[in-house]
Amino acid sequence: MKIAVIYKIAISMGVLIMSASVLAQTPDDRAAIERAALNYLEGFYEGSTEKIRQSVHPDAHKFGFYMKDGAYNRVPMSFDGMLEYAENVKEKGNYPDKDAPKRVEILDVLDQTAVAKVYAWWGSDYMTLARYDGKWMIVQVLWQTKPES
């Protein structure tokens, strides 16, 4: 009798876990995550502080590595730093080429968090996103320039 109860509980738990997993990865969530990542890229590409504000949480942290003189240099960037960078792009008209990479790869989606990778002219960014009041926002970014060959 106890084995039957344990078996029923195990099956119920499995169904609940599978249901949560399916619900966590809706097409709407994936589209919203991709849009947040594209807004981030387009914010830097177009110099749009509005797109950055739409996709990046004000408490976000960005940290990266760029290659200079054969060594990686570390660069932290705050939310305000991201806005300043975008403003600088717009002021100077320093836009990337029209064929610059702009691709999003969604790596994982749960009900509250997600991970994505973006490909940009400067290299690759890994980002974590969280759902805030139903909206997907970028909360952390780790990036690096393309490795030297």
C-alpha atoms as a PDB file:
ATOM      1  CA  MET A   1       0.000   0.000   0.000  1.00  0.00           C
ATOM      2  CA  LYS A   2       2.788   2.468   0.867  1.00  0.00           C
ATOM      3  CA  ILE A   3       4.550   1.755  -2.406  1.00  0.00           C
ATOM      4  CA  ALA A   4       1.380   2.617  -4.362  1.00  0.00           C
ATOM      5  CA  VAL A   5       1.090   5.960  -2.541  1.00  0.00           C
ATOM      6  CA  ILE A   6       4.755   6.783  -3.144  1.00  0.00           C
ATOM      7  CA  TYR A   7       4.354   5.830  -6.795  1.00  0.00           C
ATOM      8  CA  LYS A   8       1.315   8.118  -7.185  1.00  0.00           C
ATOM      9  CA  ILE A   9       3.151  11.003  -5.503  1.00  0.00           C
ATOM     10  CA  ALA A  10       6.183  10.488  -7.743  1.00  0.00           C
ATOM     11  CA  ILE A  11       4.039  10.507 -10.876  1.00  0.00           C
ATOM     12  CA  SER A  12       2.153  13.604  -9.699  1.00  0.00           C
ATOM     13  CA  MET A  13       5.436  15.402  -9.002  1.00  0.00           C
ATOM     14  CA  GLY A  14       6.751  14.465 -12.435  1.00  0.00           C
ATOM     15  CA  VAL A  15       3.634  15.808 -14.139  1.00  0.00           C
ATOM     16  CA  LEU A  16       3.875  19.058 -12.156  1.00  0.00           C
ATOM     17  CA  ILE A  17       7.544  19.517 -13.019  1.00  0.00           C
ATOM     18  CA  MET A  18       6.914  18.840 -16.706  1.00  0.00           C
ATOM     19  CA  SER A  19       3.954  21.230 -16.702  1.00  0.00           C
ATOM     20  CA  ALA A  20       6.015  23.995 -15.111  1.00  0.00           C
ATOM     21  CA  SER A  21       8.794  23.454 -17.635  1.00  0.00           C
ATOM     22  CA  VAL A  22       6.385  23.707 -20.571  1.00  0.00           C
ATOM     23  CA  LEU A  23       4.700  26.811 -19.119  1.00  0.00           C
ATOM     24  CA  ALA A  24       8.063  28.447 -18.484  1.00  0.00           C
ATOM     25  CA  GLN A  25       9.058  28.320 -22.132  1.00  0.00           C
ATOM     26  CA  THR A  26       6.160  29.904 -23.961  1.00  0.00           C
ATOM     27  CA  PRO A  27       6.651  31.392 -27.411  1.00  0.00           C
ATOM     28  CA  ASP A  28       5.646  34.785 -25.959  1.00  0.00           C
ATOM     29  CA  ASP A  29       8.421  34.576 -23.353  1.00  0.00           C
ATOM     30  CA  ARG A  30      10.988  33.601 -25.967  1.00  0.00           C
ATOM     31  CA  ALA A  31       9.880  36.479 -28.214  1.00  0.00           C
ATOM     32  CA  ALA A  32      10.063  38.952 -25.306  1.00  0.00           C
ATOM     33  CA  ILE A  33      13.539  37.717 -24.337  1.00  0.00           C
ATOM     34  CA  GLU A  34      14.737  38.016 -27.926  1.00  0.00           C
ATOM     35  CA  ARG A  35      13.244  41.531 -28.149  1.00  0.00           C
ATOM     36  CA  ALA A  36      15.015  42.578 -24.936  1.00  0.00           C
ATOM     37  CA  ALA A  37      18.341  41.285 -26.290  1.00  0.00           C
ATOM     38  CA  LEU A  38      17.784  43.011 -29.651  1.00  0.00           C
ATOM     39  CA  ASN A  39      16.836  46.273 -27.926  1.00  0.00           C
ATOM     40  CA  TYR A  40      20.121  46.031 -26.029  1.00  0.00           C
ATOM     41  CA  LEU A  41      22.108  45.533 -29.256  1.00  0.00           C
ATOM     42  CA  GLU A  42      20.154  48.151 -31.188  1.00  0.00           C
ATOM     43  CA  GLY A  43      20.554  50.559 -28.293  1.00  0.00           C
ATOM     44  CA  PHE A  44      24.320  50.380 -28.715  1.00  0.00           C
ATOM     45  CA  TYR A  45      24.219  50.169 -32.523  1.00  0.00           C
ATOM     46  CA  GLU A  46      21.760  53.067 -32.996  1.00  0.00           C
ATOM     47  CA  GLY A  47      22.711  55.134 -29.981  1.00  0.00           C
ATOM     48  CA  SER A  48      19.211  54.672 -28.548  1.00  0.00           C
ATOM     49  CA  THR A  49      18.997  55.242 -24.813  1.00  0.00           C
ATOM     50  CA  GLU A  50      15.267  54.472 -25.079  1.00  0.00           C
ATOM     51  CA  LYS A  51      15.937  50.919 -26.292  1.00  0.00           C
ATOM     52  CA  ILE A  52      18.453  50.373 -23.504  1.00  0.00           C
ATOM     53  CA  ARG A  53      15.956  51.649 -20.935  1.00  0.00           C
ATOM     54  CA  GLN A  54      13.330  49.268 -22.370  1.00  0.00           C
ATOM     55  CA  SER A  55      15.552  46.199 -22.040  1.00  0.00           C
ATOM     56  CA  VAL A  56      18.117  46.740 -19.273  1.00  0.00           C
ATOM     57  CA  HIS A  57      17.202  46.883 -15.597  1.00  0.00           C
ATOM     58  CA  PRO A  58      18.632  49.986 -13.846  1.00  0.00           C
ATOM     59  CA  ASP A  59      20.444  47.712 -11.345  1.00  0.00           C
ATOM     60  CA  ALA A  60      22.161  45.795 -14.155  1.00  0.00           C
ATOM     61  CA  HIS A  61      25.867  45.026 -14.132  1.00  0.00           C
ATOM     62  CA  LYS A  62      27.943  44.703 -17.292  1.00  0.00           C
ATOM     63  CA  PHE A  63      31.512  43.476 -17.289  1.00  0.00           C
ATOM     64  CA  GLY A  64      33.777  42.605 -20.168  1.00  0.00           C
ATOM     65  CA  PHE A  65      37.165  42.012 -21.676  1.00  0.00           C
ATOM     66  CA  TYR A  66      38.680  43.610 -24.759  1.00  0.00           C
ATOM     67  CA  MET A  67      41.980  42.729 -26.376  1.00  0.00           C
ATOM     68  CA  LYS A  68      44.632  45.435 -26.629  1.00  0.00           C
ATOM     69  CA  ASP A  69      48.325  44.897 -27.307  1.00  0.00           C
ATOM     70  CA  GLY A  70      47.984  41.135 -26.899  1.00  0.00           C
ATOM     71  CA  ALA A  71      46.363  41.262 -23.459  1.00  0.00           C
ATOM     72  CA  TYR A  72      42.801  41.358 -22.218  1.00  0.00           C
ATOM     73  CA  ASN A  73      41.708  44.497 -20.405  1.00  0.00           C
ATOM     74  CA  ARG A  74      38.765  44.455 -18.012  1.00  0.00           C
ATOM     75  CA  VAL A  75      35.909  46.912 -18.385  1.00  0.00           C
ATOM     76  CA  PRO A  76      32.991  47.310 -15.978  1.00  0.00           C
ATOM     77  CA  MET A  77      29.946  49.271 -17.139  1.00  0.00           C
ATOM     78  CA  SER A  78      26.969  50.439 -15.101  1.00  0.00           C
ATOM     79  CA  PHE A  79      23.479  51.139 -16.388  1.00  0.00           C
ATOM     80  CA  ASP A  80      24.375  54.846 -16.558  1.00  0.00           C
ATOM     81  CA  GLY A  81      27.552  53.915 -18.437  1.00  0.00           C
ATOM     82  CA  MET A  82      25.465  52.035 -21.005  1.00  0.00           C
ATOM     83  CA  LEU A  83      23.294  55.099 -21.505  1.00  0.00           C
ATOM     84  CA  GLU A  84      26.373  57.331 -21.847  1.00  0.00           C
ATOM     85  CA  TYR A  85      27.875  54.949 -24.413  1.00  0.00           C
ATOM     86  CA  ALA A  86      24.664  55.033 -26.470  1.00  0.00           C
ATOM     87  CA  GLU A  87      24.503  58.836 -26.267  1.00  0.00           C
ATOM     88  CA  ASN A  88      28.117  59.004 -27.453  1.00  0.00           C
ATOM     89  CA  VAL A  89      27.352  56.763 -30.442  1.00  0.00           C
ATOM     90  CA  LYS A  90      24.488  59.031 -31.437  1.00  0.00           C
ATOM     91  CA  GLU A  91      26.384  62.303 -30.855  1.00  0.00           C
ATOM     92  CA  LYS A  92      29.401  61.192 -32.887  1.00  0.00           C
ATOM     93  CA  GLY A  93      27.444  59.220 -35.482  1.00  0.00           C
ATOM     94  CA  ASN A  94      29.751  56.291 -34.735  1.00  0.00           C
ATOM     95  CA  TYR A  95      27.380  53.603 -36.019  1.00  0.00           C
ATOM     96  CA  PRO A  96      28.509  50.100 -36.976  1.00  0.00           C
ATOM     97  CA  ASP A  97      28.403  48.886 -40.571  1.00  0.00           C
ATOM     98  CA  LYS A  98      24.981  47.878 -41.864  1.00  0.00           C
ATOM     99  CA  ASP A  99      26.143  44.242 -42.100  1.00  0.00           C
ATOM    100  CA  ALA A 100      27.467  44.166 -38.510  1.00  0.00           C
ATOM    101  CA  PRO A 101      26.457  40.978 -36.640  1.00  0.00           C
ATOM    102  CA  LYS A 102      23.188  41.248 -34.729  1.00  0.00           C
ATOM    103  CA  ARG A 103      22.058  37.824 -33.627  1.00  0.00           C
ATOM    104  CA  VAL A 104      20.413  36.462 -30.483  1.00  0.00           C
ATOM    105  CA  GLU A 105      20.648  32.890 -29.257  1.00  0.00           C
ATOM    106  CA  ILE A 106      18.375  31.993 -26.346  1.00  0.00           C
ATOM    107  CA  LEU A 107      20.174  29.442 -24.197  1.00  0.00           C
ATOM    108  CA  ASP A 108      17.663  28.754 -21.415  1.00  0.00           C
ATOM    109  CA  VAL A 109      14.264  29.971 -20.247  1.00  0.00           C
ATOM    110  CA  LEU A 110      12.589  29.331 -16.921  1.00  0.00           C
ATOM    111  CA  ASP A 111       9.520  31.044 -15.524  1.00  0.00           C
ATOM    112  CA  GLN A 112      11.459  33.878 -13.818  1.00  0.00           C
ATOM    113  CA  THR A 113      14.955  33.802 -15.352  1.00  0.00           C
ATOM    114  CA  ALA A 114      16.591  33.294 -18.729  1.00  0.00           C
ATOM    115  CA  VAL A 115      20.027  33.243 -20.359  1.00  0.00           C
ATOM    116  CA  ALA A 116      20.873  34.468 -23.853  1.00  0.00           C
ATOM    117  CA  LYS A 117      23.928  35.086 -26.002  1.00  0.00           C
ATOM    118  CA  VAL A 118      24.196  37.954 -28.453  1.00  0.00           C
ATOM    119  CA  TYR A 119      26.636  38.311 -31.327  1.00  0.00           C
ATOM    120  CA  ALA A 120      27.697  41.884 -32.060  1.00  0.00           C
ATOM    121  CA  TRP A 121      30.375  43.786 -33.971  1.00  0.00           C
ATOM    122  CA  TRP A 122      32.522  43.911 -30.805  1.00  0.00           C
ATOM    123  CA  GLY A 123      32.246  40.191 -29.995  1.00  0.00           C
ATOM    124  CA  SER A 124      29.859  38.149 -27.855  1.00  0.00           C
ATOM    125  CA  ASP A 125      27.783  38.946 -24.782  1.00  0.00           C
ATOM    126  CA  TYR A 126      26.228  36.457 -22.400  1.00  0.00           C
ATOM    127  CA  MET A 127      23.286  37.913 -20.539  1.00  0.00           C
ATOM    128  CA  THR A 128      20.981  36.872 -17.777  1.00  0.00           C
ATOM    129  CA  LEU A 129      17.460  38.193 -17.749  1.00  0.00           C
ATOM    130  CA  ALA A 130      14.768  38.248 -15.099  1.00  0.00           C
ATOM    131  CA  ARG A 131      11.059  38.877 -15.238  1.00  0.00           C
ATOM    132  CA  TYR A 132      10.036  42.100 -13.456  1.00  0.00           C
ATOM    133  CA  ASP A 133       6.296  42.714 -13.227  1.00  0.00           C
ATOM    134  CA  GLY A 134       5.804  40.485 -16.270  1.00  0.00           C
ATOM    135  CA  LYS A 135       8.528  42.154 -18.370  1.00  0.00           C
ATOM    136  CA  TRP A 136      11.857  40.515 -19.285  1.00  0.00           C
ATOM    137  CA  MET A 137      14.836  42.717 -18.382  1.00  0.00           C
ATOM    138  CA  ILE A 138      18.585  42.202 -18.673  1.00  0.00           C
ATOM    139  CA  VAL A 139      20.233  42.122 -15.252  1.00  0.00           C
ATOM    140  CA  GLN A 140      23.791  40.948 -16.003  1.00  0.00           C
ATOM    141  CA  VAL A 141      26.062  40.971 -19.032  1.00  0.00           C
ATOM    142  CA  LEU A 142      29.464  39.325 -19.469  1.00  0.00           C
ATOM    143  CA  TRP A 143      31.180  40.087 -22.774  1.00  0.00           C
ATOM    144  CA  GLN A 144      34.437  39.857 -24.634  1.00  0.00           C
ATOM    145  CA  THR A 145      35.861  40.921 -27.944  1.00  0.00           C
ATOM    146  CA  LYS A 146      36.628  38.323 -30.565  1.00  0.00           C
ATOM    147  CA  PRO A 147      39.774  36.372 -29.647  1.00  0.00           C
ATOM    148  CA  GLU A 148      42.846  37.234 -31.654  1.00  0.00           C
ATOM    149  CA  SER A 149      43.723  34.555 -34.205  1.00  0.00           C
END
